Amino acid sequence: MSRVRIENDQLVITMQGARKFFSMKSEISVPISSVQTATTGLEWRELPRAWEKVIGTNSMSFYHGGTFCQDGDRVFFDLRKKEEAVVITLADEDFKRIIIGVDDPAATVELIQQALNGKNN
């Protein structure tokens, strides 16, 4: 699982346990101003395929972790079950999307939405 927090106008995503190794990252931090959307749910067609992996782990339907290239865009995954997915779309960052698994996807999206609403005020 990933842990998500807002800290000093930054969205900070921390990978937990062995996922740091498998995803090849321990933490990602982006300005909240770069976040376009955050949603729950993921379609199976959005999961990475073996040939899209740049660096990380892709053990088919068990775990996807690391950097993948989908349709010419860099996408970061730390995901085991698609039901746990939060999809974060970014602008002007290294990754076009960050797709992570979290304990409570709805609460995580709400946290990000509150931060987004704060940046628009």
PDB file of N, CA and C in Angstrom:
ATOM      1  N   MET A   1       0.829  -1.185   0.000  1.00  0.00           N
ATOM      2  CA  MET A   1       0.000   0.000   0.000  1.00  0.00           C
ATOM      3  C   MET A   1       0.873   1.248   0.000  1.00  0.00           C
ATOM      4  N   SER A   2       0.309   2.274  -0.544  1.00  0.00           N
ATOM      5  CA  SER A   2       0.939   3.587  -0.491  1.00  0.00           C
ATOM      6  C   SER A   2       0.252   4.416   0.583  1.00  0.00           C
ATOM      7  N   ARG A   3       0.985   5.352   1.128  1.00  0.00           N
ATOM      8  CA  ARG A   3       0.434   6.313   2.077  1.00  0.00           C
ATOM      9  C   ARG A   3       0.485   7.677   1.403  1.00  0.00           C
ATOM     10  N   VAL A   4      -0.586   8.445   1.559  1.00  0.00           N
ATOM     11  CA  VAL A   4      -0.693   9.745   0.909  1.00  0.00           C
ATOM     12  C   VAL A   4      -0.906  10.805   1.980  1.00  0.00           C
ATOM     13  N   ARG A   5      -0.178  11.917   1.830  1.00  0.00           N
ATOM     14  CA  ARG A   5      -0.376  13.041   2.736  1.00  0.00           C
ATOM     15  C   ARG A   5      -0.126  14.334   1.972  1.00  0.00           C
ATOM     16  N   ILE A   6      -0.666  15.414   2.492  1.00  0.00           N
ATOM     17  CA  ILE A   6      -0.429  16.743   1.957  1.00  0.00           C
ATOM     18  C   ILE A   6       0.483  17.449   2.954  1.00  0.00           C
ATOM     19  N   GLU A   7       1.594  17.965   2.438  1.00  0.00           N
ATOM     20  CA  GLU A   7       2.575  18.595   3.311  1.00  0.00           C
ATOM     21  C   GLU A   7       3.183  19.804   2.596  1.00  0.00           C
ATOM     22  N   ASN A   8       2.980  20.996   3.126  1.00  0.00           N
ATOM     23  CA  ASN A   8       3.549  22.219   2.540  1.00  0.00           C
ATOM     24  C   ASN A   8       3.218  22.361   1.060  1.00  0.00           C
ATOM     25  N   ASP A   9       1.954  22.245   0.710  1.00  0.00           N
ATOM     26  CA  ASP A   9       1.485  22.368  -0.675  1.00  0.00           C
ATOM     27  C   ASP A   9       2.075  21.310  -1.608  1.00  0.00           C
ATOM     28  N   GLN A  10       2.491  20.196  -1.038  1.00  0.00           N
ATOM     29  CA  GLN A  10       3.006  19.069  -1.816  1.00  0.00           C
ATOM     30  C   GLN A  10       2.129  17.845  -1.559  1.00  0.00           C
ATOM     31  N   LEU A  11       1.867  17.090  -2.610  1.00  0.00           N
ATOM     32  CA  LEU A  11       1.250  15.779  -2.481  1.00  0.00           C
ATOM     33  C   LEU A  11       2.397  14.802  -2.323  1.00  0.00           C
ATOM     34  N   VAL A  12       2.438  14.115  -1.186  1.00  0.00           N
ATOM     35  CA  VAL A  12       3.541  13.200  -0.882  1.00  0.00           C
ATOM     36  C   VAL A  12       2.981  11.786  -0.816  1.00  0.00           C
ATOM     37  N   ILE A  13       3.554  10.912  -1.638  1.00  0.00           N
ATOM     38  CA  ILE A  13       3.145   9.506  -1.692  1.00  0.00           C
ATOM     39  C   ILE A  13       4.333   8.673  -1.250  1.00  0.00           C
ATOM     40  N   THR A  14       4.123   7.866  -0.222  1.00  0.00           N
ATOM     41  CA  THR A  14       5.190   7.035   0.326  1.00  0.00           C
ATOM     42  C   THR A  14       4.844   5.569   0.129  1.00  0.00           C
ATOM     43  N   MET A  15       5.744   4.827  -0.498  1.00  0.00           N
ATOM     44  CA  MET A  15       5.560   3.394  -0.665  1.00  0.00           C
ATOM     45  C   MET A  15       5.971   2.693   0.631  1.00  0.00           C
ATOM     46  N   GLN A  16       5.274   1.626   0.951  1.00  0.00           N
ATOM     47  CA  GLN A  16       5.484   0.942   2.222  1.00  0.00           C
ATOM     48  C   GLN A  16       6.195  -0.402   2.024  1.00  0.00           C
ATOM     49  N   GLY A  17       7.030  -0.766   2.977  1.00  0.00           N
ATOM     50  CA  GLY A  17       7.641  -2.090   3.021  1.00  0.00           C
ATOM     51  C   GLY A  17       8.419  -2.456   1.769  1.00  0.00           C
ATOM     52  N   ALA A  18       8.222  -3.691   1.319  1.00  0.00           N
ATOM     53  CA  ALA A  18       8.950  -4.221   0.164  1.00  0.00           C
ATOM     54  C   ALA A  18       8.580  -3.500  -1.126  1.00  0.00           C
ATOM     55  N   ARG A  19       7.488  -2.782  -1.121  1.00  0.00           N
ATOM     56  CA  ARG A  19       7.070  -2.059  -2.337  1.00  0.00           C
ATOM     57  C   ARG A  19       8.076  -0.979  -2.714  1.00  0.00           C
ATOM     58  N   LYS A  20       8.844  -0.496  -1.756  1.00  0.00           N
ATOM     59  CA  LYS A  20       9.913   0.450  -2.068  1.00  0.00           C
ATOM     60  C   LYS A  20      10.900  -0.204  -3.032  1.00  0.00           C
ATOM     61  N   PHE A  21      11.208  -1.457  -2.780  1.00  0.00           N
ATOM     62  CA  PHE A  21      12.140  -2.205  -3.622  1.00  0.00           C
ATOM     63  C   PHE A  21      11.502  -2.539  -4.971  1.00  0.00           C
ATOM     64  N   PHE A  22      10.297  -3.081  -4.949  1.00  0.00           N
ATOM     65  CA  PHE A  22       9.657  -3.536  -6.185  1.00  0.00           C
ATOM     66  C   PHE A  22       9.280  -2.394  -7.120  1.00  0.00           C
ATOM     67  N   SER A  23       8.925  -1.241  -6.568  1.00  0.00           N
ATOM     68  CA  SER A  23       8.552  -0.104  -7.407  1.00  0.00           C
ATOM     69  C   SER A  23       9.748   0.788  -7.743  1.00  0.00           C
ATOM     70  N   MET A  24      10.881   0.524  -7.085  1.00  0.00           N
ATOM     71  CA  MET A  24      12.112   1.280  -7.305  1.00  0.00           C
ATOM     72  C   MET A  24      12.005   2.735  -6.839  1.00  0.00           C
ATOM     73  N   LYS A  25      11.057   3.014  -5.961  1.00  0.00           N
ATOM     74  CA  LYS A  25      10.909   4.350  -5.379  1.00  0.00           C
ATOM     75  C   LYS A  25      10.415   4.193  -3.955  1.00  0.00           C
ATOM     76  N   SER A  26      10.858   5.089  -3.093  1.00  0.00           N
ATOM     77  CA  SER A  26      10.342   5.069  -1.731  1.00  0.00           C
ATOM     78  C   SER A  26       9.322   6.189  -1.517  1.00  0.00           C
ATOM     79  N   GLU A  27       9.451   7.257  -2.317  1.00  0.00           N
ATOM     80  CA  GLU A  27       8.547   8.383  -2.137  1.00  0.00           C
ATOM     81  C   GLU A  27       8.477   9.211  -3.422  1.00  0.00           C
ATOM     82  N   ILE A  28       7.298   9.757  -3.668  1.00  0.00           N
ATOM     83  CA  ILE A  28       7.089  10.708  -4.766  1.00  0.00           C
ATOM     84  C   ILE A  28       6.446  11.944  -4.160  1.00  0.00           C
ATOM     85  N   SER A  29       6.965  13.099  -4.530  1.00  0.00           N
ATOM     86  CA  SER A  29       6.412  14.360  -4.047  1.00  0.00           C
ATOM     87  C   SER A  29       6.207  15.279  -5.246  1.00  0.00           C
ATOM     88  N   VAL A  30       4.990  15.808  -5.373  1.00  0.00           N
ATOM     89  CA  VAL A  30       4.673  16.742  -6.457  1.00  0.00           C
ATOM     90  C   VAL A  30       3.887  17.909  -5.874  1.00  0.00           C
ATOM     91  N   PRO A  31       4.031  19.071  -6.467  1.00  0.00           N
ATOM     92  CA  PRO A  31       3.234  20.214  -6.005  1.00  0.00           C
ATOM     93  C   PRO A  31       1.744  19.932  -6.207  1.00  0.00           C
ATOM     94  N   ILE A  32       0.938  20.303  -5.248  1.00  0.00           N
ATOM     95  CA  ILE A  32      -0.507  20.094  -5.380  1.00  0.00           C
ATOM     96  C   ILE A  32      -1.034  20.868  -6.600  1.00  0.00           C
ATOM     97  N   SER A  33      -0.354  21.914  -6.984  1.00  0.00           N
ATOM     98  CA  SER A  33      -0.769  22.694  -8.159  1.00  0.00           C
ATOM     99  C   SER A  33      -0.613  21.905  -9.460  1.00  0.00           C
ATOM    100  N   SER A  34       0.177  20.840  -9.453  1.00  0.00           N
ATOM    101  CA  SER A  34       0.354  19.997 -10.642  1.00  0.00           C
ATOM    102  C   SER A  34      -0.710  18.914 -10.761  1.00  0.00           C
ATOM    103  N   VAL A  35      -1.482  18.710  -9.708  1.00  0.00           N
ATOM    104  CA  VAL A  35      -2.508  17.668  -9.725  1.00  0.00           C
ATOM    105  C   VAL A  35      -3.728  18.185 -10.479  1.00  0.00           C
ATOM    106  N   GLN A  36      -4.123  17.446 -11.510  1.00  0.00           N
ATOM    107  CA  GLN A  36      -5.324  17.808 -12.268  1.00  0.00           C
ATOM    108  C   GLN A  36      -6.551  17.119 -11.704  1.00  0.00           C
ATOM    109  N   THR A  37      -6.463  15.799 -11.498  1.00  0.00           N
ATOM    110  CA  THR A  37      -7.595  15.034 -10.970  1.00  0.00           C
ATOM    111  C   THR A  37      -7.089  13.910 -10.079  1.00  0.00           C
ATOM    112  N   ALA A  38      -7.991  13.443  -9.238  1.00  0.00           N
ATOM    113  CA  ALA A  38      -7.761  12.237  -8.437  1.00  0.00           C
ATOM    114  C   ALA A  38      -9.081  11.483  -8.411  1.00  0.00           C
ATOM    115  N   THR A  39      -9.051  10.229  -8.819  1.00  0.00           N
ATOM    116  CA  THR A  39     -10.266   9.431  -8.896  1.00  0.00           C
ATOM    117  C   THR A  39     -10.016   8.032  -8.355  1.00  0.00           C
ATOM    118  N   THR A  40     -11.100   7.370  -8.005  1.00  0.00           N
ATOM    119  CA  THR A  40     -11.019   5.959  -7.638  1.00  0.00           C
ATOM    120  C   THR A  40     -11.369   5.140  -8.867  1.00  0.00           C
ATOM    121  N   GLY A  41     -11.055   3.889  -8.802  1.00  0.00           N
ATOM    122  CA  GLY A  41     -11.431   2.992  -9.884  1.00  0.00           C
ATOM    123  C   GLY A  41     -10.417   2.980 -11.002  1.00  0.00           C
ATOM    124  N   LEU A  42     -10.296   1.820 -11.581  1.00  0.00           N
ATOM    125  CA  LEU A  42      -9.336   1.609 -12.656  1.00  0.00           C
ATOM    126  C   LEU A  42      -9.882   0.516 -13.555  1.00  0.00           C
ATOM    127  N   GLU A  43      -9.843   0.738 -14.830  1.00  0.00           N
ATOM    128  CA  GLU A  43     -10.266  -0.283 -15.791  1.00  0.00           C
ATOM    129  C   GLU A  43      -9.117  -1.257 -16.023  1.00  0.00           C
ATOM    130  N   TRP A  44      -9.442  -2.500 -16.284  1.00  0.00           N
ATOM    131  CA  TRP A  44      -8.401  -3.500 -16.541  1.00  0.00           C
ATOM    132  C   TRP A  44      -7.506  -3.089 -17.700  1.00  0.00           C
ATOM    133  N   ARG A  45      -8.068  -2.434 -18.702  1.00  0.00           N
ATOM    134  CA  ARG A  45      -7.265  -2.030 -19.865  1.00  0.00           C
ATOM    135  C   ARG A  45      -6.213  -0.985 -19.500  1.00  0.00           C
ATOM    136  N   GLU A  46      -6.369  -0.327 -18.355  1.00  0.00           N
ATOM    137  CA  GLU A  46      -5.400   0.677 -17.918  1.00  0.00           C
ATOM    138  C   GLU A  46      -4.196   0.061 -17.207  1.00  0.00           C
ATOM    139  N   LEU A  47      -4.292  -1.205 -16.844  1.00  0.00           N
ATOM    140  CA  LEU A  47      -3.160  -1.861 -16.189  1.00  0.00           C
ATOM    141  C   LEU A  47      -2.020  -2.026 -17.184  1.00  0.00           C
ATOM    142  N   PRO A  48      -0.791  -1.953 -16.705  1.00  0.00           N
ATOM    143  CA  PRO A  48       0.347  -2.028 -17.633  1.00  0.00           C
ATOM    144  C   PRO A  48       0.567  -3.440 -18.168  1.00  0.00           C
ATOM    145  N   ARG A  49       1.113  -3.477 -19.361  1.00  0.00           N
ATOM    146  CA  ARG A  49       1.502  -4.747 -19.982  1.00  0.00           C
ATOM    147  C   ARG A  49       3.010  -4.911 -19.830  1.00  0.00           C
ATOM    148  N   ALA A  50       3.484  -6.120 -19.938  1.00  0.00           N
ATOM    149  CA  ALA A  50       4.900  -6.416 -19.701  1.00  0.00           C
ATOM    150  C   ALA A  50       5.823  -5.540 -20.545  1.00  0.00           C
ATOM    151  N   TRP A  51       5.488  -5.296 -21.789  1.00  0.00           N
ATOM    152  CA  TRP A  51       6.370  -4.528 -22.672  1.00  0.00           C
ATOM    153  C   TRP A  51       6.356  -3.028 -22.382  1.00  0.00           C
ATOM    154  N   GLU A  52       5.465  -2.571 -21.510  1.00  0.00           N
ATOM    155  CA  GLU A  52       5.401  -1.155 -21.165  1.00  0.00           C
ATOM    156  C   GLU A  52       6.298  -0.794 -19.984  1.00  0.00           C
ATOM    157  N   LYS A  53       6.874  -1.793 -19.330  1.00  0.00           N
ATOM    158  CA  LYS A  53       7.689  -1.541 -18.139  1.00  0.00           C
ATOM    159  C   LYS A  53       8.999  -0.862 -18.524  1.00  0.00           C
ATOM    160  N   VAL A  54       9.318   0.212 -17.822  1.00  0.00           N
ATOM    161  CA  VAL A  54      10.598   0.886 -17.976  1.00  0.00           C
ATOM    162  C   VAL A  54      11.532   0.393 -16.870  1.00  0.00           C
ATOM    163  N   ILE A  55      11.057   0.484 -15.632  1.00  0.00           N
ATOM    164  CA  ILE A  55      11.816  -0.028 -14.488  1.00  0.00           C
ATOM    165  C   ILE A  55      10.824  -0.380 -13.384  1.00  0.00           C
ATOM    166  N   GLY A  56      11.024  -1.525 -12.759  1.00  0.00           N
ATOM    167  CA  GLY A  56      10.132  -1.931 -11.676  1.00  0.00           C
ATOM    168  C   GLY A  56       9.716  -3.378 -11.814  1.00  0.00           C
ATOM    169  N   THR A  57       8.503  -3.674 -11.365  1.00  0.00           N
ATOM    170  CA  THR A  57       7.988  -5.032 -11.310  1.00  0.00           C
ATOM    171  C   THR A  57       6.628  -5.092 -11.989  1.00  0.00           C
ATOM    172  N   ASN A  58       6.443  -6.106 -12.803  1.00  0.00           N
ATOM    173  CA  ASN A  58       5.145  -6.342 -13.432  1.00  0.00           C
ATOM    174  C   ASN A  58       4.885  -7.835 -13.374  1.00  0.00           C
ATOM    175  N   SER A  59       4.254  -8.274 -12.302  1.00  0.00           N
ATOM    176  CA  SER A  59       3.963  -9.701 -12.169  1.00  0.00           C
ATOM    177  C   SER A  59       2.502  -9.954 -12.515  1.00  0.00           C
ATOM    178  N   MET A  60       2.167  -9.546 -13.710  1.00  0.00           N
ATOM    179  CA  MET A  60       0.851  -9.708 -14.322  1.00  0.00           C
ATOM    180  C   MET A  60      -0.260  -9.258 -13.380  1.00  0.00           C
ATOM    181  N   SER A  61      -1.154 -10.129 -12.991  1.00  0.00           N
ATOM    182  CA  SER A  61      -2.307  -9.684 -12.212  1.00  0.00           C
ATOM    183  C   SER A  61      -2.036  -9.618 -10.709  1.00  0.00           C
ATOM    184  N   PHE A  62      -0.799  -9.868 -10.260  1.00  0.00           N
ATOM    185  CA  PHE A  62      -0.516  -9.856  -8.830  1.00  0.00           C
ATOM    186  C   PHE A  62      -0.068  -8.488  -8.324  1.00  0.00           C
ATOM    187  N   TYR A  63       0.911  -7.873  -8.986  1.00  0.00           N
ATOM    188  CA  TYR A  63       1.428  -6.583  -8.527  1.00  0.00           C
ATOM    189  C   TYR A  63       2.073  -5.839  -9.692  1.00  0.00           C
ATOM    190  N   HIS A  64       1.819  -4.539  -9.741  1.00  0.00           N
ATOM    191  CA  HIS A  64       2.446  -3.649 -10.711  1.00  0.00           C
ATOM    192  C   HIS A  64       3.133  -2.553  -9.916  1.00  0.00           C
ATOM    193  N   GLY A  65       4.423  -2.403 -10.088  1.00  0.00           N
ATOM    194  CA  GLY A  65       5.138  -1.371  -9.357  1.00  0.00           C
ATOM    195  C   GLY A  65       6.271  -0.805 -10.183  1.00  0.00           C
ATOM    196  N   GLY A  66       6.369   0.509 -10.222  1.00  0.00           N
ATOM    197  CA  GLY A  66       7.460   1.150 -10.927  1.00  0.00           C
ATOM    198  C   GLY A  66       6.978   2.061 -12.029  1.00  0.00           C
ATOM    199  N   THR A  67       7.888   2.346 -12.947  1.00  0.00           N
ATOM    200  CA  THR A  67       7.618   3.264 -14.040  1.00  0.00           C
ATOM    201  C   THR A  67       7.300   2.478 -15.307  1.00  0.00           C
ATOM    202  N   PHE A  68       6.214   2.874 -15.959  1.00  0.00           N
ATOM    203  CA  PHE A  68       5.767   2.242 -17.196  1.00  0.00           C
ATOM    204  C   PHE A  68       5.547   3.331 -18.232  1.00  0.00           C
ATOM    205  N   CYS A  69       5.617   2.971 -19.496  1.00  0.00           N
ATOM    206  CA  CYS A  69       5.356   3.910 -20.584  1.00  0.00           C
ATOM    207  C   CYS A  69       4.086   3.459 -21.295  1.00  0.00           C
ATOM    208  N   GLN A  70       3.019   4.234 -21.125  1.00  0.00           N
ATOM    209  CA  GLN A  70       1.731   3.919 -21.738  1.00  0.00           C
ATOM    210  C   GLN A  70       1.353   5.044 -22.691  1.00  0.00           C
ATOM    211  N   ASP A  71       1.170   4.701 -23.947  1.00  0.00           N
ATOM    212  CA  ASP A  71       0.802   5.686 -24.981  1.00  0.00           C
ATOM    213  C   ASP A  71       1.752   6.874 -24.989  1.00  0.00           C
ATOM    214  N   GLY A  72       3.027   6.619 -24.773  1.00  0.00           N
ATOM    215  CA  GLY A  72       4.035   7.677 -24.813  1.00  0.00           C
ATOM    216  C   GLY A  72       4.166   8.476 -23.534  1.00  0.00           C
ATOM    217  N   ASP A  73       3.363   8.182 -22.527  1.00  0.00           N
ATOM    218  CA  ASP A  73       3.414   8.895 -21.253  1.00  0.00           C
ATOM    219  C   ASP A  73       4.008   8.016 -20.164  1.00  0.00           C
ATOM    220  N   ARG A  74       4.776   8.633 -19.272  1.00  0.00           N
ATOM    221  CA  ARG A  74       5.312   7.899 -18.119  1.00  0.00           C
ATOM    222  C   ARG A  74       4.230   7.811 -17.044  1.00  0.00           C
ATOM    223  N   VAL A  75       4.016   6.590 -16.560  1.00  0.00           N
ATOM    224  CA  VAL A  75       2.999   6.328 -15.549  1.00  0.00           C
ATOM    225  C   VAL A  75       3.662   5.544 -14.421  1.00  0.00           C
ATOM    226  N   PHE A  76       3.427   5.973 -13.181  1.00  0.00           N
ATOM    227  CA  PHE A  76       3.957   5.247 -12.026  1.00  0.00           C
ATOM    228  C   PHE A  76       2.858   4.404 -11.410  1.00  0.00           C
ATOM    229  N   PHE A  77       3.192   3.147 -11.108  1.00  0.00           N
ATOM    230  CA  PHE A  77       2.262   2.222 -10.452  1.00  0.00           C
ATOM    231  C   PHE A  77       2.832   1.735  -9.132  1.00  0.00           C
ATOM    232  N   ASP A  78       1.980   1.608  -8.144  1.00  0.00           N
ATOM    233  CA  ASP A  78       2.225   0.840  -6.917  1.00  0.00           C
ATOM    234  C   ASP A  78       0.861   0.236  -6.578  1.00  0.00           C
ATOM    235  N   LEU A  79       0.544  -0.870  -7.223  1.00  0.00           N
ATOM    236  CA  LEU A  79      -0.826  -1.385  -7.170  1.00  0.00           C
ATOM    237  C   LEU A  79      -0.849  -2.901  -7.178  1.00  0.00           C
ATOM    238  N   ARG A  80      -1.618  -3.444  -6.255  1.00  0.00           N
ATOM    239  CA  ARG A  80      -1.838  -4.885  -6.203  1.00  0.00           C
ATOM    240  C   ARG A  80      -3.260  -5.238  -6.637  1.00  0.00           C
ATOM    241  N   LYS A  81      -4.264  -4.566  -6.085  1.00  0.00           N
ATOM    242  CA  LYS A  81      -5.662  -4.846  -6.408  1.00  0.00           C
ATOM    243  C   LYS A  81      -6.292  -3.598  -7.016  1.00  0.00           C
ATOM    244  N   LYS A  82      -6.951  -3.774  -8.144  1.00  0.00           N
ATOM    245  CA  LYS A  82      -7.525  -2.595  -8.798  1.00  0.00           C
ATOM    246  C   LYS A  82      -8.625  -1.944  -7.965  1.00  0.00           C
ATOM    247  N   GLU A  83      -9.227  -2.686  -7.039  1.00  0.00           N
ATOM    248  CA  GLU A  83     -10.248  -2.126  -6.158  1.00  0.00           C
ATOM    249  C   GLU A  83      -9.661  -1.101  -5.185  1.00  0.00           C
ATOM    250  N   GLU A  84      -8.356  -1.151  -4.970  1.00  0.00           N
ATOM    251  CA  GLU A  84      -7.675  -0.231  -4.053  1.00  0.00           C
ATOM    252  C   GLU A  84      -7.107   0.973  -4.781  1.00  0.00           C
ATOM    253  N   ALA A  85      -7.364   1.096  -6.068  1.00  0.00           N
ATOM    254  CA  ALA A  85      -6.683   2.087  -6.909  1.00  0.00           C
ATOM    255  C   ALA A  85      -7.176   3.508  -6.706  1.00  0.00           C
ATOM    256  N   VAL A  86      -6.203   4.405  -6.673  1.00  0.00           N
ATOM    257  CA  VAL A  86      -6.428   5.840  -6.796  1.00  0.00           C
ATOM    258  C   VAL A  86      -5.593   6.281  -7.994  1.00  0.00           C
ATOM    259  N   VAL A  87      -6.245   6.956  -8.931  1.00  0.00           N
ATOM    260  CA  VAL A  87      -5.580   7.423 -10.146  1.00  0.00           C
ATOM    261  C   VAL A  87      -5.421   8.935 -10.046  1.00  0.00           C
ATOM    262  N   ILE A  88      -4.172   9.377 -10.049  1.00  0.00           N
ATOM    263  CA  ILE A  88      -3.853  10.797  -9.932  1.00  0.00           C
ATOM    264  C   ILE A  88      -3.268  11.253 -11.267  1.00  0.00           C
ATOM    265  N   THR A  89      -3.922  12.219 -11.892  1.00  0.00           N
ATOM    266  CA  THR A  89      -3.461  12.762 -13.168  1.00  0.00           C
ATOM    267  C   THR A  89      -2.731  14.071 -12.904  1.00  0.00           C
ATOM    268  N   LEU A  90      -1.556  14.197 -13.524  1.00  0.00           N
ATOM    269  CA  LEU A  90      -0.691  15.349 -13.276  1.00  0.00           C
ATOM    270  C   LEU A  90      -0.449  16.157 -14.550  1.00  0.00           C
ATOM    271  N   ALA A  91      -0.072  17.397 -14.372  1.00  0.00           N
ATOM    272  CA  ALA A  91       0.342  18.259 -15.478  1.00  0.00           C
ATOM    273  C   ALA A  91       1.767  18.740 -15.204  1.00  0.00           C
ATOM    274  N   ASP A  92       2.585  18.751 -16.234  1.00  0.00           N
ATOM    275  CA  ASP A  92       3.938  19.311 -16.158  1.00  0.00           C
ATOM    276  C   ASP A  92       4.821  18.638 -15.107  1.00  0.00           C
ATOM    277  N   GLU A  93       4.717  17.314 -14.993  1.00  0.00           N
ATOM    278  CA  GLU A  93       5.548  16.546 -14.058  1.00  0.00           C
ATOM    279  C   GLU A  93       6.181  15.378 -14.804  1.00  0.00           C
ATOM    280  N   ASP A  94       7.095  14.678 -14.136  1.00  0.00           N
ATOM    281  CA  ASP A  94       7.750  13.525 -14.755  1.00  0.00           C
ATOM    282  C   ASP A  94       6.743  12.447 -15.144  1.00  0.00           C
ATOM    283  N   PHE A  95       5.731  12.257 -14.318  1.00  0.00           N
ATOM    284  CA  PHE A  95       4.700  11.254 -14.590  1.00  0.00           C
ATOM    285  C   PHE A  95       3.420  11.937 -15.046  1.00  0.00           C
ATOM    286  N   LYS A  96       2.760  11.353 -16.027  1.00  0.00           N
ATOM    287  CA  LYS A  96       1.447  11.837 -16.462  1.00  0.00           C
ATOM    288  C   LYS A  96       0.378  11.376 -15.473  1.00  0.00           C
ATOM    289  N   ARG A  97       0.546  10.129 -14.983  1.00  0.00           N
ATOM    290  CA  ARG A  97      -0.389   9.594 -13.990  1.00  0.00           C
ATOM    291  C   ARG A  97       0.389   8.825 -12.937  1.00  0.00           C
ATOM    292  N   ILE A  98      -0.165   8.821 -11.742  1.00  0.00           N
ATOM    293  CA  ILE A  98       0.322   7.989 -10.646  1.00  0.00           C
ATOM    294  C   ILE A  98      -0.857   7.128 -10.228  1.00  0.00           C
ATOM    295  N   ILE A  99      -0.657   5.823 -10.249  1.00  0.00           N
ATOM    296  CA  ILE A  99      -1.733   4.890  -9.898  1.00  0.00           C
ATOM    297  C   ILE A  99      -1.244   4.056  -8.725  1.00  0.00           C
ATOM    298  N   ILE A 100      -1.910   4.243  -7.590  1.00  0.00           N
ATOM    299  CA  ILE A 100      -1.461   3.611  -6.354  1.00  0.00           C
ATOM    300  C   ILE A 100      -2.609   2.864  -5.697  1.00  0.00           C
ATOM    301  N   GLY A 101      -2.251   1.886  -4.900  1.00  0.00           N
ATOM    302  CA  GLY A 101      -3.215   1.189  -4.068  1.00  0.00           C
ATOM    303  C   GLY A 101      -3.142   1.736  -2.656  1.00  0.00           C
ATOM    304  N   VAL A 102      -4.303   2.022  -2.083  1.00  0.00           N
ATOM    305  CA  VAL A 102      -4.378   2.571  -0.729  1.00  0.00           C
ATOM    306  C   VAL A 102      -5.447   1.819   0.065  1.00  0.00           C
ATOM    307  N   ASP A 103      -5.390   1.944   1.392  1.00  0.00           N
ATOM    308  CA  ASP A 103      -6.372   1.284   2.258  1.00  0.00           C
ATOM    309  C   ASP A 103      -7.788   1.778   2.009  1.00  0.00           C
ATOM    310  N   ASP A 104      -7.948   3.086   1.860  1.00  0.00           N
ATOM    311  CA  ASP A 104      -9.274   3.680   1.691  1.00  0.00           C
ATOM    312  C   ASP A 104      -9.242   4.647   0.508  1.00  0.00           C
ATOM    313  N   PRO A 105      -9.520   4.138  -0.710  1.00  0.00           N
ATOM    314  CA  PRO A 105      -9.441   4.999  -1.890  1.00  0.00           C
ATOM    315  C   PRO A 105     -10.330   6.241  -1.816  1.00  0.00           C
ATOM    316  N   ALA A 106     -11.558   6.100  -1.341  1.00  0.00           N
ATOM    317  CA  ALA A 106     -12.475   7.247  -1.284  1.00  0.00           C
ATOM    318  C   ALA A 106     -11.934   8.340  -0.357  1.00  0.00           C
ATOM    319  N   ALA A 107     -11.412   7.964   0.797  1.00  0.00           N
ATOM    320  CA  ALA A 107     -10.865   8.945   1.732  1.00  0.00           C
ATOM    321  C   ALA A 107      -9.614   9.612   1.156  1.00  0.00           C
ATOM    322  N   THR A 108      -8.813   8.861   0.425  1.00  0.00           N
ATOM    323  CA  THR A 108      -7.609   9.422  -0.185  1.00  0.00           C
ATOM    324  C   THR A 108      -7.971  10.442  -1.256  1.00  0.00           C
ATOM    325  N   VAL A 109      -8.948  10.103  -2.094  1.00  0.00           N
ATOM    326  CA  VAL A 109      -9.400  11.044  -3.116  1.00  0.00           C
ATOM    327  C   VAL A 109      -9.978  12.296  -2.455  1.00  0.00           C
ATOM    328  N   GLU A 110     -10.720  12.136  -1.387  1.00  0.00           N
ATOM    329  CA  GLU A 110     -11.289  13.278  -0.662  1.00  0.00           C
ATOM    330  C   GLU A 110     -10.180  14.183  -0.118  1.00  0.00           C
ATOM    331  N   LEU A 111      -9.125  13.591   0.443  1.00  0.00           N
ATOM    332  CA  LEU A 111      -7.986  14.360   0.949  1.00  0.00           C
ATOM    333  C   LEU A 111      -7.360  15.194  -0.169  1.00  0.00           C
ATOM    334  N   ILE A 112      -7.162  14.576  -1.320  1.00  0.00           N
ATOM    335  CA  ILE A 112      -6.565  15.280  -2.456  1.00  0.00           C
ATOM    336  C   ILE A 112      -7.508  16.360  -2.972  1.00  0.00           C
ATOM    337  N   GLN A 113      -8.802  16.053  -3.050  1.00  0.00           N
ATOM    338  CA  GLN A 113      -9.785  17.041  -3.514  1.00  0.00           C
ATOM    339  C   GLN A 113      -9.825  18.257  -2.593  1.00  0.00           C
ATOM    340  N   GLN A 114      -9.743  18.037  -1.298  1.00  0.00           N
ATOM    341  CA  GLN A 114      -9.722  19.161  -0.345  1.00  0.00           C
ATOM    342  C   GLN A 114      -8.501  20.053  -0.582  1.00  0.00           C
ATOM    343  N   ALA A 115      -7.357  19.418  -0.845  1.00  0.00           N
ATOM    344  CA  ALA A 115      -6.141  20.195  -1.133  1.00  0.00           C
ATOM    345  C   ALA A 115      -6.293  20.952  -2.452  1.00  0.00           C
ATOM    346  N   LEU A 116      -6.905  20.313  -3.448  1.00  0.00           N
ATOM    347  CA  LEU A 116      -7.151  20.981  -4.741  1.00  0.00           C
ATOM    348  C   LEU A 116      -8.090  22.157  -4.578  1.00  0.00           C
ATOM    349  N   ASN A 117      -9.135  21.987  -3.777  1.00  0.00           N
ATOM    350  CA  ASN A 117     -10.064  23.081  -3.530  1.00  0.00           C
ATOM    351  C   ASN A 117      -9.374  24.244  -2.819  1.00  0.00           C
ATOM    352  N   GLY A 118      -8.442  23.913  -1.952  1.00  0.00           N
ATOM    353  CA  GLY A 118      -7.671  24.944  -1.260  1.00  0.00           C
ATOM    354  C   GLY A 118      -6.784  25.732  -2.198  1.00  0.00           C
ATOM    355  N   LYS A 119      -6.246  25.066  -3.241  1.00  0.00           N
ATOM    356  CA  LYS A 119      -5.364  25.776  -4.186  1.00  0.00           C
ATOM    357  C   LYS A 119      -6.154  26.683  -5.107  1.00  0.00           C
ATOM    358  N   ASN A 120      -7.465  26.384  -5.279  1.00  0.00           N
ATOM    359  CA  ASN A 120      -8.291  27.200  -6.178  1.00  0.00           C
ATOM    360  C   ASN A 120      -8.872  28.423  -5.488  1.00  0.00           C
ATOM    361  N   ASN A 121      -8.685  28.545  -4.188  1.00  0.00           N
ATOM    362  CA  ASN A 121      -9.240  29.691  -3.444  1.00  0.00           C
ATOM    363  C   ASN A 121      -8.298  30.868  -3.470  1.00  0.00           C
TER     364      ASN A 121
END
